[in-house]
């Protein structure tokens, strides 16, 4: 991946602002890291500790994002259960009882 490919995808970021309506995700991070490793000077390689720290931060962020998604689903399920319990206590089960004809 070259800088021109990144600029084409995200615009000119010289001012620190990406113009595309997308945030960088894990795939973008890995592509940038791969490009950085391919373009590094073999006599002055990237500091391994910095690279590992960046990967750890991204992994932590991905875990937090997944946790938030799961907690949101749990919250929605609890709200639905609470509403159902309130309907049952109030005598309104949300279902129309069958009528008997005859």
N, C-alpha and C. Protein backbone atom coordinates (compact mmCIF):
# COMPACT_ATOMS: atom_id res chain seq x y z
N UNK A 1 0.85 -1.17 0.00
CA UNK A 1 0.00 0.00 0.00
C UNK A 1 0.89 1.22 0.00
N UNK A 2 0.56 2.14 -0.82
CA UNK A 2 1.34 3.36 -0.91
C UNK A 2 0.59 4.51 -0.28
N UNK A 3 1.30 5.59 -0.07
CA UNK A 3 0.68 6.77 0.52
C UNK A 3 -0.42 7.30 -0.38
N UNK A 4 -0.21 7.23 -1.70
CA UNK A 4 -1.24 7.73 -2.60
C UNK A 4 -2.52 6.93 -2.49
N UNK A 5 -2.42 5.61 -2.22
CA UNK A 5 -3.63 4.80 -2.02
C UNK A 5 -4.37 5.25 -0.76
N UNK A 6 -3.63 5.54 0.27
CA UNK A 6 -4.26 5.98 1.52
C UNK A 6 -4.89 7.35 1.33
N UNK A 7 -4.18 8.25 0.62
CA UNK A 7 -4.74 9.58 0.38
C UNK A 7 -5.99 9.49 -0.48
N UNK A 8 -6.00 8.57 -1.44
CA UNK A 8 -7.18 8.41 -2.29
C UNK A 8 -8.37 7.92 -1.48
N UNK A 9 -8.09 7.07 -0.49
CA UNK A 9 -9.18 6.51 0.30
C UNK A 9 -9.66 7.47 1.39
N UNK A 10 -8.73 8.19 2.03
CA UNK A 10 -9.09 9.02 3.17
C UNK A 10 -8.90 10.51 2.95
N UNK A 11 -8.36 10.90 1.84
CA UNK A 11 -8.12 12.32 1.60
C UNK A 11 -6.80 12.75 2.18
N UNK A 12 -6.48 14.01 2.04
CA UNK A 12 -5.22 14.55 2.55
C UNK A 12 -5.35 14.77 4.04
N UNK A 13 -4.54 14.06 4.81
CA UNK A 13 -4.62 14.14 6.26
C UNK A 13 -3.50 14.97 6.85
N UNK A 14 -2.92 15.87 6.07
CA UNK A 14 -1.81 16.67 6.58
C UNK A 14 -2.25 17.57 7.72
N UNK A 15 -3.52 17.91 7.76
CA UNK A 15 -4.03 18.74 8.85
C UNK A 15 -4.55 17.89 10.01
N UNK A 16 -4.38 16.55 9.93
CA UNK A 16 -4.80 15.67 11.01
C UNK A 16 -6.26 15.28 10.95
N UNK A 17 -6.95 15.64 9.88
CA UNK A 17 -8.38 15.34 9.76
C UNK A 17 -8.59 14.48 8.52
N UNK A 18 -9.23 13.34 8.72
CA UNK A 18 -9.58 12.50 7.59
C UNK A 18 -10.92 12.98 7.06
N UNK A 19 -11.03 13.05 5.75
CA UNK A 19 -12.26 13.58 5.16
C UNK A 19 -13.28 12.50 4.85
N UNK A 20 -12.91 11.24 4.94
CA UNK A 20 -13.85 10.17 4.66
C UNK A 20 -14.72 9.94 5.89
N UNK A 21 -15.97 9.52 5.68
CA UNK A 21 -16.90 9.31 6.78
C UNK A 21 -16.69 7.96 7.45
N UNK A 22 -15.48 7.50 7.49
CA UNK A 22 -15.18 6.19 8.07
C UNK A 22 -14.01 6.33 9.02
N UNK A 23 -14.10 5.67 10.15
CA UNK A 23 -12.98 5.63 11.06
C UNK A 23 -12.10 4.46 10.69
N UNK A 24 -10.85 4.53 11.08
CA UNK A 24 -9.95 3.43 10.81
C UNK A 24 -10.37 2.22 11.62
N UNK A 25 -10.33 1.05 11.00
CA UNK A 25 -10.68 -0.17 11.70
C UNK A 25 -9.47 -1.09 11.75
N UNK A 26 -9.67 -2.31 12.20
CA UNK A 26 -8.58 -3.24 12.36
C UNK A 26 -7.89 -3.56 11.03
N UNK A 27 -8.65 -3.70 9.97
CA UNK A 27 -8.06 -3.97 8.66
C UNK A 27 -7.17 -2.83 8.20
N UNK A 28 -7.62 -1.60 8.42
CA UNK A 28 -6.81 -0.44 8.06
C UNK A 28 -5.52 -0.41 8.87
N UNK A 29 -5.64 -0.70 10.16
CA UNK A 29 -4.46 -0.72 11.01
C UNK A 29 -3.44 -1.74 10.52
N UNK A 30 -3.92 -2.95 10.20
CA UNK A 30 -3.01 -3.99 9.73
C UNK A 30 -2.38 -3.63 8.38
N UNK A 31 -3.15 -3.01 7.50
CA UNK A 31 -2.59 -2.58 6.21
C UNK A 31 -1.52 -1.51 6.40
N UNK A 32 -1.78 -0.56 7.28
CA UNK A 32 -0.79 0.48 7.55
C UNK A 32 0.46 -0.10 8.20
N UNK A 33 0.27 -1.04 9.12
CA UNK A 33 1.41 -1.66 9.78
C UNK A 33 2.24 -2.45 8.77
N UNK A 34 1.58 -3.18 7.88
CA UNK A 34 2.28 -3.94 6.85
C UNK A 34 3.06 -3.02 5.93
N UNK A 35 2.43 -1.92 5.52
CA UNK A 35 3.12 -0.95 4.66
C UNK A 35 4.32 -0.35 5.38
N UNK A 36 4.16 -0.07 6.66
CA UNK A 36 5.26 0.49 7.43
C UNK A 36 6.42 -0.50 7.50
N UNK A 37 6.11 -1.77 7.73
CA UNK A 37 7.17 -2.79 7.81
C UNK A 37 7.85 -2.98 6.46
N UNK A 38 7.10 -2.90 5.38
CA UNK A 38 7.69 -3.06 4.05
C UNK A 38 8.60 -1.90 3.69
N UNK A 39 8.29 -0.71 4.15
CA UNK A 39 9.03 0.49 3.77
C UNK A 39 10.12 0.89 4.77
N UNK A 40 10.27 0.14 5.85
CA UNK A 40 11.24 0.55 6.86
C UNK A 40 12.68 0.34 6.39
N UNK A 41 13.56 1.09 6.96
CA UNK A 41 14.98 0.99 6.67
C UNK A 41 15.54 -0.22 7.42
N UNK A 42 16.12 -1.19 6.73
CA UNK A 42 16.62 -2.38 7.42
C UNK A 42 17.73 -2.08 8.42
N UNK A 43 18.41 -0.95 8.26
CA UNK A 43 19.47 -0.58 9.20
C UNK A 43 18.95 0.24 10.37
N UNK A 44 17.69 0.65 10.28
CA UNK A 44 17.06 1.41 11.36
C UNK A 44 15.61 0.95 11.48
N UNK A 45 15.40 -0.30 11.93
CA UNK A 45 14.04 -0.84 11.96
C UNK A 45 13.16 -0.17 13.01
N UNK A 46 11.87 -0.43 12.87
CA UNK A 46 10.88 0.11 13.81
C UNK A 46 11.12 -0.53 15.17
N UNK A 47 10.91 0.25 16.20
CA UNK A 47 11.05 -0.25 17.56
C UNK A 47 9.97 -1.30 17.83
N UNK A 48 10.37 -2.50 18.19
CA UNK A 48 9.42 -3.59 18.43
C UNK A 48 8.46 -3.27 19.57
N UNK A 49 8.95 -2.60 20.60
CA UNK A 49 8.09 -2.28 21.73
C UNK A 49 6.95 -1.35 21.32
N UNK A 50 7.24 -0.39 20.46
CA UNK A 50 6.20 0.51 19.99
C UNK A 50 5.15 -0.24 19.17
N UNK A 51 5.63 -1.15 18.31
CA UNK A 51 4.72 -1.92 17.47
C UNK A 51 3.81 -2.81 18.33
N UNK A 52 4.40 -3.48 19.30
CA UNK A 52 3.61 -4.35 20.19
C UNK A 52 2.63 -3.53 21.01
N UNK A 53 3.05 -2.36 21.46
CA UNK A 53 2.16 -1.50 22.23
C UNK A 53 0.97 -1.05 21.39
N UNK A 54 1.21 -0.70 20.12
CA UNK A 54 0.12 -0.30 19.24
C UNK A 54 -0.86 -1.46 19.01
N UNK A 55 -0.32 -2.65 18.80
CA UNK A 55 -1.20 -3.81 18.58
C UNK A 55 -1.99 -4.13 19.84
N UNK A 56 -1.37 -4.00 21.01
CA UNK A 56 -2.08 -4.26 22.26
C UNK A 56 -3.19 -3.25 22.48
N UNK A 57 -2.93 -1.98 22.16
CA UNK A 57 -3.97 -0.95 22.30
C UNK A 57 -5.14 -1.23 21.37
N UNK A 58 -4.84 -1.62 20.15
CA UNK A 58 -5.92 -1.89 19.21
C UNK A 58 -6.72 -3.11 19.63
N UNK A 59 -6.03 -4.13 20.13
CA UNK A 59 -6.71 -5.33 20.61
C UNK A 59 -7.60 -5.00 21.79
N UNK A 60 -7.11 -4.18 22.70
CA UNK A 60 -7.90 -3.76 23.85
C UNK A 60 -9.13 -2.98 23.42
N UNK A 61 -8.95 -2.09 22.47
CA UNK A 61 -10.07 -1.31 21.95
C UNK A 61 -11.12 -2.19 21.29
N UNK A 62 -10.66 -3.20 20.54
CA UNK A 62 -11.60 -4.13 19.90
C UNK A 62 -12.38 -4.91 20.95
N UNK A 63 -11.70 -5.31 22.03
CA UNK A 63 -12.38 -6.03 23.11
C UNK A 63 -13.42 -5.16 23.80
N UNK A 64 -13.08 -3.92 24.03
CA UNK A 64 -14.02 -2.99 24.67
C UNK A 64 -15.23 -2.76 23.77
N UNK A 65 -15.00 -2.63 22.49
CA UNK A 65 -16.10 -2.43 21.55
C UNK A 65 -17.03 -3.64 21.54
N UNK A 66 -16.47 -4.84 21.55
CA UNK A 66 -17.29 -6.06 21.58
C UNK A 66 -18.07 -6.14 22.89
N UNK A 67 -17.45 -5.77 24.00
CA UNK A 67 -18.13 -5.77 25.29
C UNK A 67 -19.30 -4.81 25.28
N UNK A 68 -19.11 -3.62 24.71
CA UNK A 68 -20.19 -2.64 24.62
C UNK A 68 -21.36 -3.18 23.80
N UNK A 69 -21.06 -3.87 22.71
CA UNK A 69 -22.11 -4.44 21.87
C UNK A 69 -22.92 -5.47 22.65
N UNK A 70 -22.22 -6.35 23.36
CA UNK A 70 -22.90 -7.39 24.15
C UNK A 70 -23.72 -6.77 25.26
N UNK A 71 -23.17 -5.78 25.95
CA UNK A 71 -23.91 -5.14 27.03
C UNK A 71 -25.15 -4.40 26.52
N UNK A 72 -25.07 -3.83 25.35
CA UNK A 72 -26.24 -3.18 24.76
C UNK A 72 -27.34 -4.19 24.48
N UNK A 73 -26.97 -5.36 23.95
CA UNK A 73 -27.96 -6.41 23.69
C UNK A 73 -28.58 -6.91 24.99
N UNK A 74 -27.77 -7.08 26.02
CA UNK A 74 -28.29 -7.53 27.32
C UNK A 74 -29.25 -6.49 27.88
N UNK A 75 -28.89 -5.22 27.77
CA UNK A 75 -29.75 -4.15 28.26
C UNK A 75 -31.10 -4.15 27.54
N UNK A 76 -31.08 -4.35 26.22
CA UNK A 76 -32.32 -4.40 25.46
C UNK A 76 -33.19 -5.59 25.88
N UNK A 77 -32.55 -6.73 26.12
CA UNK A 77 -33.31 -7.91 26.55
C UNK A 77 -33.92 -7.70 27.93
N UNK A 78 -33.16 -7.09 28.84
CA UNK A 78 -33.70 -6.81 30.17
C UNK A 78 -34.86 -5.83 30.12
N UNK A 79 -34.75 -4.83 29.27
CA UNK A 79 -35.85 -3.87 29.14
C UNK A 79 -37.10 -4.55 28.61
N UNK A 80 -36.94 -5.45 27.65
CA UNK A 80 -38.09 -6.18 27.10
C UNK A 80 -38.71 -7.09 28.17
N UNK A 81 -37.87 -7.73 28.96
CA UNK A 81 -38.38 -8.60 30.03
C UNK A 81 -39.11 -7.79 31.09
N UNK A 82 -38.57 -6.64 31.45
CA UNK A 82 -39.23 -5.77 32.43
C UNK A 82 -40.58 -5.30 31.91
N UNK A 83 -40.65 -4.95 30.65
CA UNK A 83 -41.93 -4.52 30.07
C UNK A 83 -42.93 -5.66 30.09
N UNK A 84 -42.48 -6.86 29.77
CA UNK A 84 -43.36 -8.02 29.79
C UNK A 84 -43.88 -8.29 31.20
N UNK A 85 -43.00 -8.20 32.20
CA UNK A 85 -43.43 -8.41 33.59
C UNK A 85 -44.43 -7.35 34.02
N UNK A 86 -44.20 -6.11 33.62
CA UNK A 86 -45.16 -5.04 33.96
C UNK A 86 -46.51 -5.29 33.30
N UNK A 87 -46.49 -5.76 32.06
CA UNK A 87 -47.75 -6.06 31.37
C UNK A 87 -48.48 -7.20 32.06
N UNK A 88 -47.75 -8.21 32.49
CA UNK A 88 -48.38 -9.35 33.17
C UNK A 88 -48.95 -8.92 34.51
N UNK A 89 -48.22 -8.15 35.29
CA UNK A 89 -48.70 -7.68 36.58
C UNK A 89 -49.92 -6.78 36.43
N UNK A 90 -49.96 -6.02 35.36
CA UNK A 90 -51.08 -5.11 35.13
C UNK A 90 -52.28 -5.81 34.52
N UNK A 91 -52.17 -7.09 34.23
CA UNK A 91 -53.26 -7.83 33.65
C UNK A 91 -53.31 -7.73 32.15
N UNK A 92 -52.34 -7.10 31.55
CA UNK A 92 -52.30 -6.95 30.10
C UNK A 92 -51.13 -7.78 29.59
N UNK A 93 -51.45 -8.97 29.09
CA UNK A 93 -50.38 -9.84 28.63
C UNK A 93 -49.94 -9.50 27.22
N UNK A 94 -50.64 -8.55 26.59
CA UNK A 94 -50.28 -8.19 25.25
C UNK A 94 -50.95 -9.09 24.22
N UNK A 95 -51.61 -10.13 24.70
CA UNK A 95 -52.30 -11.05 23.82
C UNK A 95 -53.80 -10.89 23.99
N UNK A 96 -54.54 -11.02 22.94
CA UNK A 96 -55.99 -10.96 23.02
C UNK A 96 -56.51 -12.36 23.30
N UNK A 97 -57.27 -12.53 24.39
CA UNK A 97 -57.77 -13.88 24.69
C UNK A 97 -58.76 -14.33 23.62
N UNK A 98 -58.75 -15.60 23.34
CA UNK A 98 -59.69 -16.10 22.32
C UNK A 98 -61.14 -15.94 22.80
N UNK A 99 -62.03 -15.64 21.87
CA UNK A 99 -63.44 -15.51 22.22
C UNK A 99 -64.15 -16.81 21.93
N UNK A 100 -65.13 -17.12 22.73
CA UNK A 100 -65.91 -18.33 22.51
C UNK A 100 -67.22 -17.96 21.82
N UNK A 101 -67.45 -18.63 20.74
CA UNK A 101 -68.69 -18.38 20.01
C UNK A 101 -69.66 -19.50 20.29
N UNK A 102 -70.88 -19.16 20.32
CA UNK A 102 -71.81 -20.25 20.43
C UNK A 102 -72.91 -20.01 21.30
